[in-house]
Amino acid sequence: MSEFDLIIKNATICTMDLNGRTIDKGYVAIRENDIVRVEEGDVPENCGSAQTIDAAGQVLFPGFVDTHTHIFQSFLKGLGADHRLIEWLNLSALPYGEYMTPYQHRLAAQLTCMEAIKSGCTTLCEFFYTDQNPELADGCIAGMEDTGIRSVFIRTFQDRGEDYGMPSCMIQTVEKAMEEVARLRHDYANRGDMLSIWTGPDVTWSTSKEGYRTMLDYCLAENVRYAMHIDETEVDNDMCQKNYGQDIVPMLDEMGFLTDKMLGVHCVNLTNDEIRRFADNGVSVSYNPVSNMYLGSGAAPIRECLDTEVTVSVGTDGAASNNTTDYLESLKFAALIQKGFTRDAARITASETIAMGTNGGAKAIGMEDKLGSIEVGKRADMFLFEPRHLKSIPMHDPYATAVYSSSQENISTTIVNGKVVYRNGMFACGIDERNLSDKITCELGRLKIQMERS
């Protein structure tokens, strides 16, 4: 008798492996954290498991990897609407981020992660830039861990930027920032691959050239990955030309900053030459289609990146510029924007879009050996897609249905590291959605009073 912890049977399995294999009816067996069998047909009689999910009529996908969000912004949905990036930052994210407490960060993390889980995400990358109090980072991480999601926590820094509206309390020396990154890596070292600690510059207008160099030295010496907003708008190059006489990507290339440890976020204004530099140096891209439209930033050159073999992943961005953490919605935008802006319906396919959300996300965070596909030996991160809802029936092709005809109601089950974290509308963490909403509403009232007094 073969014993497993979880078996998912009778599913259509979109493995997203290198061959793009789809199993019309099969089963996946999980032991502890890992996938140990992926087979076509019925479960053999000699296989037993502690838990079995009959997924007849459903599709099993690898879990999505959201490679970019800002968790605290879940408190700010809709604020600063109808403004471009710098104006939006100064109307919503920065003033509220200056006063939020560790407890509020924890609630925001619960909200963000639960919404992500409900849309098929099993890994979430938090780009954290409210650095004025070390306890804020701990509050955010606690909230992520409350939900059971796999997490990448990117503790960024700003060592300048007051002339662009960056609050002085968020500005610190790069040396101090790297000390805090080291502290987080030490304090959370026992989380294994369920929590990774990265760093990175926040934005170009809040980073000095010395800051880039010092951070890069730390990351290369300590084998730490890093991410940064880059070429989201024309402000990046304007600032670099004004201060350094170069555009941002060539400057970073000369510094040796473009490496396979780097994740570039947004990348709306990349030129063909800069795309080639990314490809040559192994830099990955986090494509954030919804926020790029919401803030009027433009459409990133994703087809050009893919054709040059740059790894492309998809992020939702923060909920104040999206205004949600619904990954399925971001995937639909990811495909449609590329088609619409080029007037080419074949510009990107549904299966390519799913691949960016799974394989691309896994590779972008350096975990392609563990995540991104349903294969023996990989972590059991996956979700079940239930197509039998009005929005998504009939399902002729699972990839097209998931990208173009789906919503959160289609996600019946989300599994992270072999554990069922969401099933049939219920979260295993025990956090009630309505109760969480009430707590956030209460804290928002307190936050607004605090801001008025300051």
Protein backbone atom coordinates (compact mmCIF):
# COMPACT_ATOMS: atom_id res chain seq x y z
CA MET A 1 0.00 0.00 0.00
CA SER A 2 1.41 3.40 -1.05
CA GLU A 3 0.50 6.10 1.45
CA PHE A 4 0.23 9.78 0.56
CA ASP A 5 -0.91 12.87 2.40
CA LEU A 6 -3.11 14.17 -0.42
CA ILE A 7 -4.39 12.80 -3.72
CA ILE A 8 -6.19 14.90 -6.33
CA LYS A 9 -7.98 12.57 -8.73
CA ASN A 10 -10.06 12.73 -11.92
CA ALA A 11 -8.64 16.13 -12.87
CA THR A 12 -7.65 17.61 -16.19
CA ILE A 13 -4.00 18.45 -15.42
CA CYS A 14 -2.27 21.34 -17.17
CA THR A 15 1.23 20.43 -16.06
CA MET A 16 2.99 23.47 -17.62
CA ASP A 17 6.09 21.30 -17.94
CA LEU A 18 8.66 21.86 -20.71
CA ASN A 19 6.57 19.81 -23.13
CA GLY A 20 3.34 21.61 -22.27
CA ARG A 21 1.72 18.30 -21.40
CA THR A 22 -1.99 18.25 -20.62
CA ILE A 23 -3.51 15.12 -19.06
CA ASP A 24 -7.21 14.83 -19.84
CA LYS A 25 -7.94 12.72 -16.77
CA GLY A 26 -5.35 11.93 -14.16
CA TYR A 27 -4.23 12.18 -10.58
CA VAL A 28 -1.52 13.89 -8.54
CA ALA A 29 -0.18 12.36 -5.34
CA ILE A 30 1.45 14.54 -2.68
CA ARG A 31 3.61 13.47 0.23
CA GLU A 32 4.44 16.16 2.79
CA ASN A 33 5.42 19.23 0.71
CA ASP A 34 6.18 17.59 -2.62
CA ILE A 35 4.56 16.12 -5.70
CA VAL A 36 5.50 12.43 -5.87
CA ARG A 37 3.25 11.20 -8.68
CA VAL A 38 1.62 12.74 -11.75
CA GLU A 39 -0.19 10.05 -13.68
CA GLU A 40 -2.86 9.59 -16.30
CA GLY A 41 -5.97 7.55 -15.49
CA ASP A 42 -7.46 6.33 -12.24
CA VAL A 43 -5.75 6.10 -8.88
CA PRO A 44 -4.43 2.55 -8.37
CA GLU A 45 -6.20 0.50 -5.72
CA ASN A 46 -3.01 0.15 -3.69
CA CYS A 47 -2.73 3.94 -3.20
CA GLY A 48 -4.15 5.45 -0.04
CA SER A 49 -4.05 8.98 1.29
CA ALA A 50 -5.01 10.95 4.36
CA GLN A 51 -7.07 13.28 2.14
CA THR A 52 -8.50 12.81 -1.34
CA ILE A 53 -10.07 15.49 -3.53
CA ASP A 54 -12.26 14.29 -6.39
CA ALA A 55 -11.66 16.94 -9.05
CA ALA A 56 -13.91 15.49 -11.76
CA GLY A 57 -14.78 18.26 -14.22
CA GLN A 58 -12.07 20.57 -12.86
CA VAL A 59 -8.66 21.65 -14.13
CA LEU A 60 -5.49 21.48 -12.03
CA PHE A 61 -2.94 24.21 -12.71
CA PRO A 62 0.40 25.05 -11.05
CA GLY A 63 0.02 27.89 -8.58
CA PHE A 64 0.44 31.41 -9.87
CA VAL A 65 3.41 33.51 -8.72
CA ASP A 66 2.55 37.18 -8.19
CA THR A 67 5.94 38.82 -8.60
CA HIS A 68 5.01 42.31 -7.45
CA THR A 69 2.68 43.94 -4.95
CA HIS A 70 2.71 46.45 -2.08
CA ILE A 71 0.73 44.93 0.76
CA PHE A 72 -0.01 48.06 2.80
CA GLN A 73 -1.85 49.53 -0.19
CA SER A 74 -4.75 47.14 0.39
CA PHE A 75 -5.92 49.79 2.87
CA LEU A 76 -5.98 52.38 0.08
CA LYS A 77 -8.08 51.01 -2.78
CA GLY A 78 -9.41 53.87 -4.88
CA LEU A 79 -7.44 56.67 -3.22
CA GLY A 80 -5.58 58.96 -5.61
CA ALA A 81 -7.62 57.72 -8.57
CA ASP A 82 -7.17 59.34 -11.99
CA HIS A 83 -3.66 60.69 -11.43
CA ARG A 84 -0.30 59.77 -12.89
CA LEU A 85 2.39 58.02 -10.87
CA ILE A 86 4.10 60.82 -8.91
CA GLU A 87 0.84 62.67 -8.17
CA TRP A 88 -0.85 59.39 -7.19
CA LEU A 89 2.01 58.50 -4.84
CA ASN A 90 1.79 61.85 -3.07
CA LEU A 91 -2.01 61.65 -2.74
CA SER A 92 -2.34 58.11 -1.44
CA ALA A 93 0.52 55.66 -0.90
CA LEU A 94 3.15 57.90 0.69
CA PRO A 95 1.01 59.91 3.17
CA TYR A 96 -0.85 56.83 4.41
CA GLY A 97 2.26 54.65 4.41
CA GLU A 98 3.98 57.15 6.68
CA TYR A 99 1.54 56.53 9.56
CA MET A 100 0.46 52.89 9.32
CA THR A 101 1.19 50.68 12.34
CA PRO A 102 2.62 47.13 12.47
CA TYR A 103 -0.86 45.80 13.32
CA GLN A 104 -2.35 47.58 10.32
CA HIS A 105 0.37 46.09 8.12
CA ARG A 106 -0.54 42.65 9.44
CA LEU A 107 -4.21 43.14 8.60
CA ALA A 108 -3.30 44.46 5.15
CA ALA A 109 -1.13 41.38 4.60
CA GLN A 110 -3.96 39.06 5.55
CA LEU A 111 -6.29 40.84 3.14
CA THR A 112 -3.80 40.89 0.27
CA CYS A 113 -2.71 37.28 0.65
CA MET A 114 -6.20 35.89 1.09
CA GLU A 115 -7.35 37.72 -2.03
CA ALA A 116 -4.34 36.35 -3.90
CA ILE A 117 -4.99 32.79 -2.69
CA LYS A 118 -8.62 33.12 -3.77
CA SER A 119 -7.42 33.88 -7.30
CA GLY A 120 -5.03 30.93 -7.62
CA CYS A 121 -1.82 32.51 -6.27
CA THR A 122 0.42 30.30 -4.18
CA THR A 123 3.42 32.67 -4.04
CA LEU A 124 3.35 36.42 -3.40
CA CYS A 125 6.27 38.86 -3.71
CA GLU A 126 5.90 41.83 -1.37
CA PHE A 127 7.87 44.94 -2.39
CA PHE A 128 8.13 46.71 0.96
CA TYR A 129 9.17 50.36 1.12
CA THR A 130 7.66 51.79 4.34
CA ASP A 131 10.95 51.37 6.17
CA GLN A 132 10.68 53.99 8.92
CA ASN A 133 10.07 51.38 11.66
CA PRO A 134 11.58 47.86 11.60
CA GLU A 135 8.49 46.47 13.30
CA LEU A 136 6.42 47.31 10.23
CA ALA A 137 8.26 44.65 8.24
CA ASP A 138 7.67 42.09 10.99
CA GLY A 139 3.96 42.93 11.05
CA CYS A 140 3.72 42.46 7.31
CA ILE A 141 5.55 39.13 7.38
CA ALA A 142 3.35 37.91 10.23
CA GLY A 143 0.24 38.65 8.19
CA MET A 144 1.62 36.81 5.17
CA GLU A 145 2.48 33.79 7.30
CA ASP A 146 -0.99 33.86 8.90
CA THR A 147 -2.51 32.86 5.55
CA GLY A 148 -0.15 30.04 4.56
CA ILE A 149 0.98 31.60 1.29
CA ARG A 150 4.55 31.20 0.05
CA SER A 151 6.25 34.58 0.39
CA VAL A 152 9.06 36.66 -1.00
CA PHE A 153 9.65 39.72 1.18
CA ILE A 154 11.63 42.42 -0.63
CA ARG A 155 12.88 44.95 1.92
CA THR A 156 13.78 47.95 -0.23
CA PHE A 157 15.42 51.29 0.61
CA GLN A 158 15.41 54.99 -0.23
CA ASP A 159 18.53 57.05 0.45
CA ARG A 160 17.25 60.25 -1.21
CA GLY A 161 14.06 61.53 -2.91
CA GLU A 162 12.56 64.32 -0.79
CA ASP A 163 12.49 66.54 -3.90
CA TYR A 164 10.04 64.03 -5.43
CA GLY A 165 7.86 63.84 -2.32
CA MET A 166 9.45 60.92 -0.49
CA PRO A 167 8.75 61.41 3.25
CA SER A 168 11.95 62.09 5.16
CA CYS A 169 11.12 59.35 7.67
CA MET A 170 11.38 56.73 4.89
CA ILE A 171 14.85 57.87 3.84
CA GLN A 172 17.88 56.14 5.38
CA THR A 173 21.46 55.33 4.49
CA VAL A 174 22.01 52.25 2.38
CA GLU A 175 24.30 50.87 5.11
CA LYS A 176 21.44 51.02 7.61
CA ALA A 177 19.09 49.42 5.11
CA MET A 178 21.43 46.49 4.49
CA GLU A 179 21.77 46.00 8.25
CA GLU A 180 18.00 45.61 8.42
CA VAL A 181 18.00 43.18 5.48
CA ALA A 182 20.62 41.12 7.32
CA ARG A 183 18.48 41.22 10.47
CA LEU A 184 15.43 39.92 8.60
CA ARG A 185 17.45 37.17 6.93
CA HIS A 186 18.73 36.09 10.35
CA ASP A 187 15.41 36.29 12.17
CA TYR A 188 13.49 34.32 9.52
CA ALA A 189 16.23 31.92 8.47
CA ASN A 190 14.27 28.89 9.69
CA ARG A 191 11.37 29.34 7.24
CA GLY A 192 13.01 27.36 4.46
CA ASP A 193 11.62 28.16 1.01
CA MET A 194 8.29 29.35 2.41
CA LEU A 195 9.82 32.80 3.01
CA SER A 196 12.65 34.43 1.09
CA ILE A 197 14.18 37.79 2.02
CA TRP A 198 15.37 40.05 -0.81
CA THR A 199 16.28 43.70 -1.08
CA GLY A 200 16.41 46.39 -3.76
CA PRO A 201 16.26 50.10 -4.51
CA ASP A 202 12.70 51.40 -4.38
CA VAL A 203 12.65 53.78 -7.35
CA THR A 204 15.29 55.63 -9.33
CA TRP A 205 14.42 59.06 -7.94
CA SER A 206 14.96 57.87 -4.38
CA THR A 207 18.26 56.06 -4.96
CA SER A 208 21.76 57.50 -5.21
CA LYS A 209 24.50 56.00 -7.33
CA GLU A 210 26.36 55.13 -4.13
CA GLY A 211 23.22 53.39 -2.90
CA TYR A 212 23.13 51.15 -5.96
CA ARG A 213 26.79 50.24 -5.57
CA THR A 214 26.61 49.46 -1.85
CA MET A 215 23.48 47.37 -2.22
CA LEU A 216 24.93 45.45 -5.16
CA ASP A 217 28.10 44.66 -3.21
CA TYR A 218 26.01 43.31 -0.34
CA CYS A 219 23.81 41.18 -2.59
CA LEU A 220 26.69 39.66 -4.52
CA ALA A 221 28.63 38.92 -1.35
CA GLU A 222 25.65 37.40 0.48
CA ASN A 223 23.92 35.76 -2.52
CA VAL A 224 20.77 37.86 -2.09
CA ARG A 225 18.33 38.51 -4.93
CA TYR A 226 17.00 42.01 -5.58
CA ALA A 227 14.20 43.84 -7.38
CA MET A 228 13.48 47.43 -8.36
CA HIS A 229 10.90 49.58 -10.12
CA ILE A 230 12.50 50.51 -13.41
CA ASP A 231 11.36 52.39 -16.52
CA GLU A 232 7.78 52.57 -15.25
CA THR A 233 7.51 56.12 -16.60
CA GLU A 234 9.76 58.66 -18.30
CA VAL A 235 10.69 60.05 -14.85
CA ASP A 236 13.33 57.33 -14.40
CA ASN A 237 15.38 58.42 -17.38
CA ASP A 238 14.71 62.12 -16.81
CA MET A 239 16.10 61.87 -13.27
CA CYS A 240 19.15 59.84 -14.33
CA GLN A 241 19.93 62.14 -17.24
CA LYS A 242 19.67 65.15 -14.93
CA ASN A 243 21.95 63.70 -12.27
CA TYR A 244 24.23 61.28 -14.12
CA GLY A 245 23.98 62.08 -17.83
CA GLN A 246 22.70 58.58 -18.69
CA ASP A 247 19.49 56.63 -18.93
CA ILE A 248 18.88 54.24 -16.05
CA VAL A 249 19.45 50.88 -17.77
CA PRO A 250 22.79 51.75 -19.42
CA MET A 251 23.96 53.25 -16.13
CA LEU A 252 23.10 50.12 -14.19
CA ASP A 253 24.68 47.96 -16.88
CA GLU A 254 27.97 49.83 -16.57
CA MET A 255 27.84 49.31 -12.80
CA GLY A 256 27.38 45.55 -13.17
CA PHE A 257 23.94 45.85 -11.60
CA LEU A 258 22.19 43.87 -14.34
CA THR A 259 22.54 40.25 -13.19
CA ASP A 260 20.46 37.09 -12.99
CA LYS A 261 19.64 38.03 -9.39
CA MET A 262 17.69 41.08 -10.57
CA LEU A 263 13.93 41.39 -11.11
CA GLY A 264 12.97 44.56 -13.01
CA VAL A 265 9.44 45.72 -12.25
CA HIS A 266 7.18 47.46 -14.83
CA CYS A 267 9.75 48.02 -17.64
CA VAL A 268 7.21 49.98 -19.69
CA ASN A 269 9.78 52.13 -21.48
CA LEU A 270 12.47 49.56 -22.25
CA THR A 271 14.13 50.07 -25.63
CA ASN A 272 15.22 47.18 -27.87
CA ASP A 273 18.81 47.78 -26.80
CA GLU A 274 17.82 47.66 -23.12
CA ILE A 275 15.82 44.47 -23.65
CA ARG A 276 18.94 42.92 -25.17
CA ARG A 277 20.96 44.03 -22.13
CA PHE A 278 18.41 42.33 -19.86
CA ALA A 279 18.59 39.15 -21.92
CA ASP A 280 22.38 39.10 -22.00
CA ASN A 281 22.60 39.48 -18.22
CA GLY A 282 19.70 37.22 -17.18
CA VAL A 283 17.51 40.00 -15.75
CA SER A 284 13.85 39.01 -15.32
CA VAL A 285 10.80 41.25 -15.79
CA SER A 286 7.67 41.65 -13.66
CA TYR A 287 4.88 42.82 -15.98
CA ASN A 288 2.17 44.77 -14.12
CA PRO A 289 -0.49 45.42 -16.76
CA VAL A 290 -3.36 46.71 -14.63
CA SER A 291 -1.43 49.35 -12.71
CA ASN A 292 0.34 50.43 -15.90
CA MET A 293 -3.10 51.19 -17.38
CA TYR A 294 -4.55 52.66 -14.17
CA LEU A 295 -1.71 55.17 -13.83
CA GLY A 296 -1.51 55.87 -17.55
CA SER A 297 2.06 54.59 -17.77
CA GLY A 298 1.66 52.62 -20.99
CA ALA A 299 2.11 49.10 -22.31
CA ALA A 300 5.35 47.23 -21.65
CA PRO A 301 7.13 45.60 -24.66
CA ILE A 302 6.36 42.07 -23.56
CA ARG A 303 6.44 40.34 -26.95
CA GLU A 304 9.85 41.84 -27.59
CA CYS A 305 11.05 40.60 -24.19
CA LEU A 306 9.76 37.08 -24.79
CA ASP A 307 11.23 36.94 -28.28
CA THR A 308 14.62 37.98 -26.85
CA GLU A 309 14.30 35.22 -24.21
CA VAL A 310 13.92 37.55 -21.26
CA THR A 311 12.02 35.79 -18.47
CA VAL A 312 8.67 37.56 -18.05
CA SER A 313 6.39 37.14 -15.02
CA VAL A 314 3.19 38.91 -13.99
CA GLY A 315 2.48 41.06 -10.94
CA THR A 316 -0.70 42.68 -9.72
CA ASP A 317 1.08 45.68 -8.16
CA GLY A 318 -0.33 47.26 -5.02
CA ALA A 319 -4.07 47.44 -4.53
CA ALA A 320 -4.02 51.24 -4.55
CA SER A 321 -3.05 51.20 -8.23
CA ASN A 322 -4.90 48.12 -9.42
CA ASN A 323 -7.29 48.23 -7.23
CA THR A 324 -7.27 44.59 -6.21
CA THR A 325 -4.97 41.59 -5.83
CA ASP A 326 -7.05 39.43 -8.18
CA TYR A 327 -4.42 37.62 -10.21
CA LEU A 328 -6.86 36.25 -12.76
CA GLU A 329 -7.92 39.78 -13.63
CA SER A 330 -4.28 40.78 -14.11
CA LEU A 331 -3.70 37.83 -16.44
CA LYS A 332 -6.61 38.89 -18.65
CA PHE A 333 -5.25 42.43 -18.83
CA ALA A 334 -1.77 41.01 -19.49
CA ALA A 335 -2.97 39.37 -22.68
CA LEU A 336 -5.50 41.92 -23.90
CA ILE A 337 -3.24 44.96 -23.55
CA GLN A 338 -0.60 43.35 -25.75
CA LYS A 339 -3.22 42.54 -28.39
CA GLY A 340 -5.01 45.89 -28.28
CA PHE A 341 -1.98 48.19 -28.32
CA THR A 342 -0.49 46.37 -31.34
CA ARG A 343 -3.79 45.57 -33.10
CA ASP A 344 -2.63 41.97 -33.30
CA ALA A 345 -4.90 39.33 -31.73
CA ALA A 346 -2.11 36.74 -32.01
CA ARG A 347 0.41 38.95 -30.21
CA ILE A 348 0.29 36.72 -27.15
CA THR A 349 -1.64 33.52 -26.56
CA ALA A 350 -3.59 32.26 -23.56
CA SER A 351 -1.08 29.48 -22.91
CA GLU A 352 1.81 31.97 -23.05
CA THR A 353 -0.03 34.14 -20.54
CA ILE A 354 -0.51 31.21 -18.16
CA ALA A 355 3.17 30.36 -18.64
CA MET A 356 4.19 33.87 -17.54
CA GLY A 357 2.09 33.43 -14.40
CA THR A 358 3.56 30.01 -13.57
CA ASN A 359 6.89 29.11 -15.23
CA GLY A 360 7.87 32.76 -15.66
CA GLY A 361 7.06 33.62 -12.07
CA ALA A 362 8.99 30.66 -10.71
CA LYS A 363 12.07 31.49 -12.77
CA ALA A 364 11.86 35.21 -11.95
CA ILE A 365 12.18 34.43 -8.24
CA GLY A 366 14.92 31.85 -8.73
CA MET A 367 12.73 28.87 -7.83
CA GLU A 368 12.14 27.22 -11.21
CA ASP A 369 13.54 23.97 -9.79
CA LYS A 370 10.76 23.91 -7.16
CA LEU A 371 7.76 25.80 -8.57
CA GLY A 372 5.98 26.70 -11.79
CA SER A 373 4.86 23.30 -13.06
CA ILE A 374 3.17 20.12 -11.86
CA GLU A 375 6.02 17.61 -11.95
CA VAL A 376 7.40 14.95 -9.67
CA GLY A 377 9.91 16.42 -7.24
CA LYS A 378 8.49 19.94 -7.24
CA ARG A 379 6.67 21.60 -4.37
CA ALA A 380 2.94 20.92 -4.23
CA ASP A 381 1.78 24.46 -5.08
CA MET A 382 -1.33 24.32 -7.29
CA PHE A 383 -4.97 25.23 -7.64
CA LEU A 384 -8.14 23.65 -8.96
CA PHE A 385 -10.14 25.61 -11.53
CA GLU A 386 -13.89 24.91 -11.58
CA PRO A 387 -15.27 25.94 -14.99
CA ARG A 388 -18.92 25.17 -14.26
CA HIS A 389 -20.01 28.75 -13.61
CA LEU A 390 -22.01 31.03 -15.87
CA LYS A 391 -19.04 33.21 -16.78
CA SER A 392 -16.87 30.32 -17.90
CA ILE A 393 -19.12 27.69 -19.48
CA PRO A 394 -18.69 26.04 -21.89
CA MET A 395 -14.96 25.36 -21.58
CA HIS A 396 -13.45 24.46 -24.95
CA ASP A 397 -9.85 25.14 -23.95
CA PRO A 398 -8.72 25.38 -20.29
CA TYR A 399 -6.02 27.98 -20.98
CA ALA A 400 -8.36 30.30 -22.87
CA THR A 401 -11.11 29.87 -20.30
CA ALA A 402 -8.78 30.63 -17.38
CA VAL A 403 -7.37 33.76 -19.03
CA TYR A 404 -10.42 35.23 -20.75
CA SER A 405 -13.54 33.87 -19.03
CA SER A 406 -12.80 33.48 -15.34
CA SER A 407 -13.06 35.10 -11.94
CA GLN A 408 -12.33 34.20 -8.33
CA GLU A 409 -15.47 32.07 -8.18
CA ASN A 410 -13.71 29.59 -10.48
CA ILE A 411 -11.00 28.83 -7.92
CA SER A 412 -12.32 25.93 -5.89
CA THR A 413 -9.10 24.89 -4.12
CA THR A 414 -5.66 26.38 -3.56
CA ILE A 415 -2.81 24.24 -2.25
CA VAL A 416 0.51 25.62 -0.96
CA ASN A 417 3.44 23.39 0.00
CA GLY A 418 1.14 20.39 0.10
CA LYS A 419 -1.44 22.05 2.39
CA VAL A 420 -4.96 23.00 1.37
CA VAL A 421 -5.15 26.69 2.26
CA TYR A 422 -8.45 27.48 0.53
CA ARG A 423 -11.34 25.24 -0.47
CA ASN A 424 -14.92 25.94 -1.51
CA GLY A 425 -14.97 29.48 -0.13
CA MET A 426 -13.26 28.72 3.18
CA PHE A 427 -9.73 29.64 4.25
CA ALA A 428 -7.81 27.06 6.28
CA CYS A 429 -6.17 29.85 8.31
CA GLY A 430 -9.53 30.47 9.99
CA ILE A 431 -9.67 34.19 9.20
CA ASP A 432 -13.22 35.27 8.41
CA GLU A 433 -13.55 37.74 5.53
CA ARG A 434 -16.29 39.83 7.14
CA ASN A 435 -14.48 39.99 10.48
CA LEU A 436 -11.28 41.05 8.71
CA SER A 437 -13.22 43.73 6.85
CA ASP A 438 -14.60 45.11 10.12
CA LYS A 439 -11.13 45.24 11.68
CA ILE A 440 -9.71 47.09 8.68
CA THR A 441 -12.58 49.59 8.66
CA CYS A 442 -11.94 50.31 12.34
CA GLU A 443 -8.20 50.72 11.81
CA LEU A 444 -8.75 53.01 8.82
CA GLY A 445 -10.74 55.31 11.07
CA ARG A 446 -7.87 55.44 13.54
CA LEU A 447 -5.35 55.96 10.76
CA LYS A 448 -7.23 58.93 9.35
CA ILE A 449 -7.46 60.54 12.81
CA GLN A 450 -3.70 60.05 13.24
CA MET A 451 -3.01 61.69 9.88
CA GLU A 452 -5.27 64.66 10.71
CA ARG A 453 -3.43 65.22 13.99
CA SER A 454 -0.01 65.18 12.38
